[in-house]
């Protein structure tokens, strides 16, 4: 049985973009803060995310995504 979600908050902070010398690849890093409030209590998490973005046919495509999440 799925638990009802009463409240969800999402905030992305500290976004940084590093453009590589080929001008078609970038590394995007950021911190994601999430709070999920249920009837049973509140769960908080912070994730450090690293995405590799490539320009293909004029469009940005995420080719790699890694995140490390800590719950508290």
PDB file of N, CA and C in Angstrom:
ATOM      1  N   UNK A   1       0.847  -1.175   0.000  1.00  0.00           N
ATOM      2  CA  UNK A   1       0.000   0.000   0.000  1.00  0.00           C
ATOM      3  C   UNK A   1       0.898   1.246   0.000  1.00  0.00           C
ATOM      4  N   UNK A   2       0.666   2.117  -0.934  1.00  0.00           N
ATOM      5  CA  UNK A   2       1.468   3.338  -1.032  1.00  0.00           C
ATOM      6  C   UNK A   2       1.060   4.331   0.059  1.00  0.00           C
ATOM      7  N   UNK A   3       2.057   4.971   0.623  1.00  0.00           N
ATOM      8  CA  UNK A   3       1.795   5.976   1.653  1.00  0.00           C
ATOM      9  C   UNK A   3       1.514   7.321   0.985  1.00  0.00           C
ATOM     10  N   UNK A   4       0.534   8.050   1.479  1.00  0.00           N
ATOM     11  CA  UNK A   4       0.260   9.364   0.890  1.00  0.00           C
ATOM     12  C   UNK A   4       1.364  10.360   1.238  1.00  0.00           C
ATOM     13  N   UNK A   5       1.753  11.152   0.258  1.00  0.00           N
ATOM     14  CA  UNK A   5       2.744  12.202   0.483  1.00  0.00           C
ATOM     15  C   UNK A   5       1.991  13.472   0.850  1.00  0.00           C
ATOM     16  N   UNK A   6       2.319  14.037   1.991  1.00  0.00           N
ATOM     17  CA  UNK A   6       1.660  15.262   2.406  1.00  0.00           C
ATOM     18  C   UNK A   6       2.417  16.492   1.926  1.00  0.00           C
ATOM     19  N   UNK A   7       3.748  16.376   1.851  1.00  0.00           N
ATOM     20  CA  UNK A   7       4.521  17.543   1.445  1.00  0.00           C
ATOM     21  C   UNK A   7       5.864  17.084   0.875  1.00  0.00           C
ATOM     22  N   UNK A   8       6.276  17.737  -0.215  1.00  0.00           N
ATOM     23  CA  UNK A   8       7.565  17.430  -0.825  1.00  0.00           C
ATOM     24  C   UNK A   8       8.222  18.743  -1.233  1.00  0.00           C
ATOM     25  N   UNK A   9       9.466  18.909  -0.839  1.00  0.00           N
ATOM     26  CA  UNK A   9      10.228  20.107  -1.217  1.00  0.00           C
ATOM     27  C   UNK A   9      11.505  19.676  -1.915  1.00  0.00           C
ATOM     28  N   UNK A  10      11.892  20.423  -2.942  1.00  0.00           N
ATOM     29  CA  UNK A  10      13.078  20.132  -3.747  1.00  0.00           C
ATOM     30  C   UNK A  10      13.791  21.447  -4.011  1.00  0.00           C
ATOM     31  N   UNK A  11      15.092  21.470  -3.768  1.00  0.00           N
ATOM     32  CA  UNK A  11      15.852  22.698  -4.002  1.00  0.00           C
ATOM     33  C   UNK A  11      17.223  22.323  -4.543  1.00  0.00           C
ATOM     34  N   UNK A  12      17.596  22.900  -5.677  1.00  0.00           N
ATOM     35  CA  UNK A  12      18.912  22.675  -6.274  1.00  0.00           C
ATOM     36  C   UNK A  12      19.773  23.895  -5.974  1.00  0.00           C
ATOM     37  N   UNK A  13      20.968  23.651  -5.402  1.00  0.00           N
ATOM     38  CA  UNK A  13      21.864  24.746  -5.027  1.00  0.00           C
ATOM     39  C   UNK A  13      23.274  24.463  -5.540  1.00  0.00           C
ATOM     40  N   UNK A  14      24.086  25.502  -5.531  1.00  0.00           N
ATOM     41  CA  UNK A  14      25.509  25.403  -5.864  1.00  0.00           C
ATOM     42  C   UNK A  14      25.772  24.802  -7.242  1.00  0.00           C
ATOM     43  N   UNK A  15      24.933  25.136  -8.217  1.00  0.00           N
ATOM     44  CA  UNK A  15      25.132  24.618  -9.574  1.00  0.00           C
ATOM     45  C   UNK A  15      26.376  25.249 -10.193  1.00  0.00           C
ATOM     46  N   UNK A  16      27.219  24.375 -10.774  1.00  0.00           N
ATOM     47  CA  UNK A  16      28.442  24.824 -11.438  1.00  0.00           C
ATOM     48  C   UNK A  16      28.555  24.091 -12.766  1.00  0.00           C
ATOM     49  N   UNK A  17      29.027  24.806 -13.789  1.00  0.00           N
ATOM     50  CA  UNK A  17      29.184  24.227 -15.119  1.00  0.00           C
ATOM     51  C   UNK A  17      30.622  24.393 -15.567  1.00  0.00           C
ATOM     52  N   UNK A  18      31.243  23.283 -15.969  1.00  0.00           N
ATOM     53  CA  UNK A  18      32.600  23.321 -16.522  1.00  0.00           C
ATOM     54  C   UNK A  18      32.496  22.912 -17.988  1.00  0.00           C
ATOM     55  N   UNK A  19      32.862  23.813 -18.890  1.00  0.00           N
ATOM     56  CA  UNK A  19      32.821  23.538 -20.324  1.00  0.00           C
ATOM     57  C   UNK A  19      34.181  23.013 -20.750  1.00  0.00           C
ATOM     58  N   UNK A  20      34.200  21.883 -21.446  1.00  0.00           N
ATOM     59  CA  UNK A  20      35.446  21.290 -21.911  1.00  0.00           C
ATOM     60  C   UNK A  20      35.914  21.948 -23.209  1.00  0.00           C
ATOM     61  N   UNK A  21      37.171  21.715 -23.570  1.00  0.00           N
ATOM     62  CA  UNK A  21      37.795  22.400 -24.701  1.00  0.00           C
ATOM     63  C   UNK A  21      37.141  22.080 -26.046  1.00  0.00           C
ATOM     64  N   UNK A  22      36.407  20.977 -26.147  1.00  0.00           N
ATOM     65  CA  UNK A  22      35.730  20.666 -27.416  1.00  0.00           C
ATOM     66  C   UNK A  22      34.481  21.518 -27.635  1.00  0.00           C
ATOM     67  N   UNK A  23      34.103  22.299 -26.625  1.00  0.00           N
ATOM     68  CA  UNK A  23      32.898  23.152 -26.666  1.00  0.00           C
ATOM     69  C   UNK A  23      31.608  22.378 -26.946  1.00  0.00           C
ATOM     70  N   UNK A  24      31.655  21.051 -26.736  1.00  0.00           N
ATOM     71  CA  UNK A  24      30.458  20.225 -26.924  1.00  0.00           C
ATOM     72  C   UNK A  24      30.153  19.373 -25.692  1.00  0.00           C
ATOM     73  N   UNK A  25      31.046  19.451 -24.711  1.00  0.00           N
ATOM     74  CA  UNK A  25      30.886  18.638 -23.501  1.00  0.00           C
ATOM     75  C   UNK A  25      31.000  19.537 -22.278  1.00  0.00           C
ATOM     76  N   UNK A  26      30.117  19.289 -21.314  1.00  0.00           N
ATOM     77  CA  UNK A  26      30.151  20.052 -20.065  1.00  0.00           C
ATOM     78  C   UNK A  26      29.921  19.107 -18.895  1.00  0.00           C
ATOM     79  N   UNK A  27      30.520  19.456 -17.759  1.00  0.00           N
ATOM     80  CA  UNK A  27      30.251  18.765 -16.513  1.00  0.00           C
ATOM     81  C   UNK A  27      29.457  19.724 -15.635  1.00  0.00           C
ATOM     82  N   UNK A  28      28.310  19.271 -15.187  1.00  0.00           N
ATOM     83  CA  UNK A  28      27.421  20.093 -14.360  1.00  0.00           C
ATOM     84  C   UNK A  28      27.348  19.448 -12.982  1.00  0.00           C
ATOM     85  N   UNK A  29      27.724  20.196 -11.954  1.00  0.00           N
ATOM     86  CA  UNK A  29      27.644  19.689 -10.590  1.00  0.00           C
ATOM     87  C   UNK A  29      26.671  20.548  -9.794  1.00  0.00           C
ATOM     88  N   UNK A  30      25.980  19.918  -8.850  1.00  0.00           N
ATOM     89  CA  UNK A  30      25.055  20.666  -8.000  1.00  0.00           C
ATOM     90  C   UNK A  30      24.718  19.839  -6.765  1.00  0.00           C
ATOM     91  N   UNK A  31      24.133  20.510  -5.792  1.00  0.00           N
ATOM     92  CA  UNK A  31      23.653  19.873  -4.571  1.00  0.00           C
ATOM     93  C   UNK A  31      22.128  19.955  -4.576  1.00  0.00           C
ATOM     94  N   UNK A  32      21.495  18.838  -4.257  1.00  0.00           N
ATOM     95  CA  UNK A  32      20.034  18.770  -4.258  1.00  0.00           C
ATOM     96  C   UNK A  32      19.562  18.476  -2.838  1.00  0.00           C
ATOM     97  N   UNK A  33      18.665  19.308  -2.357  1.00  0.00           N
ATOM     98  CA  UNK A  33      18.097  19.157  -1.015  1.00  0.00           C
ATOM     99  C   UNK A  33      16.627  18.777  -1.162  1.00  0.00           C
ATOM    100  N   UNK A  34      16.243  17.671  -0.526  1.00  0.00           N
ATOM    101  CA  UNK A  34      14.863  17.195  -0.600  1.00  0.00           C
ATOM    102  C   UNK A  34      14.315  16.946   0.804  1.00  0.00           C
ATOM    103  N   UNK A  35      13.040  17.271   0.973  1.00  0.00           N
ATOM    104  CA  UNK A  35      12.335  16.990   2.225  1.00  0.00           C
ATOM    105  C   UNK A  35      10.996  16.353   1.874  1.00  0.00           C
ATOM    106  N   UNK A  36      10.738  15.195   2.447  1.00  0.00           N
ATOM    107  CA  UNK A  36       9.505  14.453   2.226  1.00  0.00           C
ATOM    108  C   UNK A  36       8.817  14.295   3.576  1.00  0.00           C
ATOM    109  N   UNK A  37       7.615  14.840   3.707  1.00  0.00           N
ATOM    110  CA  UNK A  37       6.883  14.768   4.961  1.00  0.00           C
ATOM    111  C   UNK A  37       5.676  13.843   4.787  1.00  0.00           C
ATOM    112  N   UNK A  38       5.654  12.796   5.590  1.00  0.00           N
ATOM    113  CA  UNK A  38       4.563  11.826   5.594  1.00  0.00           C
ATOM    114  C   UNK A  38       3.874  11.856   6.949  1.00  0.00           C
ATOM    115  N   UNK A  39       2.830  11.119   7.061  1.00  0.00           N
ATOM    116  CA  UNK A  39       2.125  11.015   8.339  1.00  0.00           C
ATOM    117  C   UNK A  39       3.062  10.482   9.430  1.00  0.00           C
ATOM    118  N   UNK A  40       3.962   9.572   9.054  1.00  0.00           N
ATOM    119  CA  UNK A  40       4.850   8.933  10.018  1.00  0.00           C
ATOM    120  C   UNK A  40       6.040   9.802  10.414  1.00  0.00           C
ATOM    121  N   UNK A  41       6.322  10.858   9.666  1.00  0.00           N
ATOM    122  CA  UNK A  41       7.457  11.716   9.991  1.00  0.00           C
ATOM    123  C   UNK A  41       8.058  12.355   8.754  1.00  0.00           C
ATOM    124  N   UNK A  42       9.229  12.928   8.927  1.00  0.00           N
ATOM    125  CA  UNK A  42       9.904  13.660   7.862  1.00  0.00           C
ATOM    126  C   UNK A  42      11.217  12.980   7.506  1.00  0.00           C
ATOM    127  N   UNK A  43      11.486  12.894   6.209  1.00  0.00           N
ATOM    128  CA  UNK A  43      12.739  12.355   5.701  1.00  0.00           C
ATOM    129  C   UNK A  43      13.435  13.468   4.929  1.00  0.00           C
ATOM    130  N   UNK A  44      14.715  13.679   5.244  1.00  0.00           N
ATOM    131  CA  UNK A  44      15.489  14.699   4.542  1.00  0.00           C
ATOM    132  C   UNK A  44      16.675  14.021   3.873  1.00  0.00           C
ATOM    133  N   UNK A  45      17.054  14.569   2.709  1.00  0.00           N
ATOM    134  CA  UNK A  45      18.198  14.021   1.987  1.00  0.00           C
ATOM    135  C   UNK A  45      18.925  15.156   1.282  1.00  0.00           C
ATOM    136  N   UNK A  46      20.233  14.975   1.143  1.00  0.00           N
ATOM    137  CA  UNK A  46      21.035  15.893   0.339  1.00  0.00           C
ATOM    138  C   UNK A  46      21.842  15.030  -0.619  1.00  0.00           C
ATOM    139  N   UNK A  47      21.840  15.403  -1.889  1.00  0.00           N
ATOM    140  CA  UNK A  47      22.560  14.656  -2.920  1.00  0.00           C
ATOM    141  C   UNK A  47      23.571  15.562  -3.594  1.00  0.00           C
ATOM    142  N   UNK A  48      24.753  15.008  -3.853  1.00  0.00           N
ATOM    143  CA  UNK A  48      25.754  15.684  -4.679  1.00  0.00           C
ATOM    144  C   UNK A  48      25.669  15.034  -6.054  1.00  0.00           C
ATOM    145  N   UNK A  49      25.335  15.833  -7.057  1.00  0.00           N
ATOM    146  CA  UNK A  49      25.075  15.301  -8.391  1.00  0.00           C
ATOM    147  C   UNK A  49      26.128  15.789  -9.381  1.00  0.00           C
ATOM    148  N   UNK A  50      26.569  14.879 -10.252  1.00  0.00           N
ATOM    149  CA  UNK A  50      27.497  15.213 -11.330  1.00  0.00           C
ATOM    150  C   UNK A  50      26.893  14.675 -12.626  1.00  0.00           C
ATOM    151  N   UNK A  51      26.668  15.558 -13.575  1.00  0.00           N
ATOM    152  CA  UNK A  51      26.117  15.168 -14.877  1.00  0.00           C
ATOM    153  C   UNK A  51      27.107  15.557 -15.970  1.00  0.00           C
ATOM    154  N   UNK A  52      27.266  14.668 -16.933  1.00  0.00           N
ATOM    155  CA  UNK A  52      28.032  14.981 -18.138  1.00  0.00           C
ATOM    156  C   UNK A  52      27.019  15.219 -19.242  1.00  0.00           C
ATOM    157  N   UNK A  53      27.126  16.380 -19.883  1.00  0.00           N
ATOM    158  CA  UNK A  53      26.190  16.782 -20.926  1.00  0.00           C
ATOM    159  C   UNK A  53      26.964  16.961 -22.221  1.00  0.00           C
ATOM    160  N   UNK A  54      26.456  16.347 -23.297  1.00  0.00           N
ATOM    161  CA  UNK A  54      27.065  16.476 -24.612  1.00  0.00           C
ATOM    162  C   UNK A  54      26.095  17.136 -25.571  1.00  0.00           C
ATOM    163  N   UNK A  55      26.636  17.938 -26.467  1.00  0.00           N
ATOM    164  CA  UNK A  55      25.830  18.581 -27.498  1.00  0.00           C
ATOM    165  C   UNK A  55      25.799  17.654 -28.710  1.00  0.00           C
ATOM    166  N   UNK A  56      24.607  17.162 -29.052  1.00  0.00           N
ATOM    167  CA  UNK A  56      24.426  16.262 -30.199  1.00  0.00           C
ATOM    168  C   UNK A  56      23.324  16.804 -31.095  1.00  0.00           C
ATOM    169  N   UNK A  57      23.667  17.025 -32.337  1.00  0.00           N
ATOM    170  CA  UNK A  57      22.706  17.587 -33.307  1.00  0.00           C
ATOM    171  C   UNK A  57      22.083  18.872 -32.775  1.00  0.00           C
ATOM    172  N   UNK A  58      22.907  19.667 -32.084  1.00  0.00           N
ATOM    173  CA  UNK A  58      22.445  20.949 -31.577  1.00  0.00           C
ATOM    174  C   UNK A  58      21.614  20.886 -30.307  1.00  0.00           C
ATOM    175  N   UNK A  59      21.488  19.692 -29.722  1.00  0.00           N
ATOM    176  CA  UNK A  59      20.675  19.544 -28.514  1.00  0.00           C
ATOM    177  C   UNK A  59      21.524  18.991 -27.370  1.00  0.00           C
ATOM    178  N   UNK A  60      21.354  19.519 -26.148  1.00  0.00           N
ATOM    179  CA  UNK A  60      22.088  18.972 -25.005  1.00  0.00           C
ATOM    180  C   UNK A  60      21.491  17.627 -24.575  1.00  0.00           C
ATOM    181  N   UNK A  61      22.362  16.635 -24.397  1.00  0.00           N
ATOM    182  CA  UNK A  61      21.953  15.293 -23.987  1.00  0.00           C
ATOM    183  C   UNK A  61      22.776  14.899 -22.756  1.00  0.00           C
ATOM    184  N   UNK A  62      22.107  14.470 -21.704  1.00  0.00           N
ATOM    185  CA  UNK A  62      22.823  13.961 -20.528  1.00  0.00           C
ATOM    186  C   UNK A  62      23.296  12.554 -20.865  1.00  0.00           C
ATOM    187  N   UNK A  63      24.626  12.356 -20.872  1.00  0.00           N
ATOM    188  CA  UNK A  63      25.181  11.049 -21.208  1.00  0.00           C
ATOM    189  C   UNK A  63      25.645  10.282 -19.977  1.00  0.00           C
ATOM    190  N   UNK A  64      25.768  10.972 -18.853  1.00  0.00           N
ATOM    191  CA  UNK A  64      26.178  10.323 -17.609  1.00  0.00           C
ATOM    192  C   UNK A  64      25.617  11.122 -16.445  1.00  0.00           C
ATOM    193  N   UNK A  65      25.153  10.402 -15.439  1.00  0.00           N
ATOM    194  CA  UNK A  65      24.626  11.061 -14.244  1.00  0.00           C
ATOM    195  C   UNK A  65      24.988  10.216 -13.033  1.00  0.00           C
ATOM    196  N   UNK A  66      25.631  10.852 -12.058  1.00  0.00           N
ATOM    197  CA  UNK A  66      26.012  10.159 -10.821  1.00  0.00           C
ATOM    198  C   UNK A  66      25.590  11.031  -9.648  1.00  0.00           C
ATOM    199  N   UNK A  67      25.049  10.390  -8.636  1.00  0.00           N
ATOM    200  CA  UNK A  67      24.658  11.141  -7.435  1.00  0.00           C
ATOM    201  C   UNK A  67      24.988  10.321  -6.204  1.00  0.00           C
ATOM    202  N   UNK A  68      25.406  11.015  -5.171  1.00  0.00           N
ATOM    203  CA  UNK A  68      25.625  10.391  -3.864  1.00  0.00           C
ATOM    204  C   UNK A  68      24.641  11.068  -2.914  1.00  0.00           C
ATOM    205  N   UNK A  69      23.847  10.247  -2.255  1.00  0.00           N
ATOM    206  CA  UNK A  69      22.777  10.771  -1.417  1.00  0.00           C
ATOM    207  C   UNK A  69      23.016  10.406   0.043  1.00  0.00           C
ATOM    208  N   UNK A  70      22.770  11.381   0.890  1.00  0.00           N
ATOM    209  CA  UNK A  70      22.866  11.171   2.346  1.00  0.00           C
ATOM    210  C   UNK A  70      21.498  11.503   2.943  1.00  0.00           C
ATOM    211  N   UNK A  71      20.939  10.574   3.692  1.00  0.00           N
ATOM    212  CA  UNK A  71      19.664  10.795   4.378  1.00  0.00           C
ATOM    213  C   UNK A  71      19.951  11.190   5.820  1.00  0.00           C
ATOM    214  N   UNK A  72      19.158  12.096   6.334  1.00  0.00           N
ATOM    215  CA  UNK A  72      19.328  12.510   7.725  1.00  0.00           C
ATOM    216  C   UNK A  72      17.997  12.888   8.314  1.00  0.00           C
TER     217      UNK A  72
END
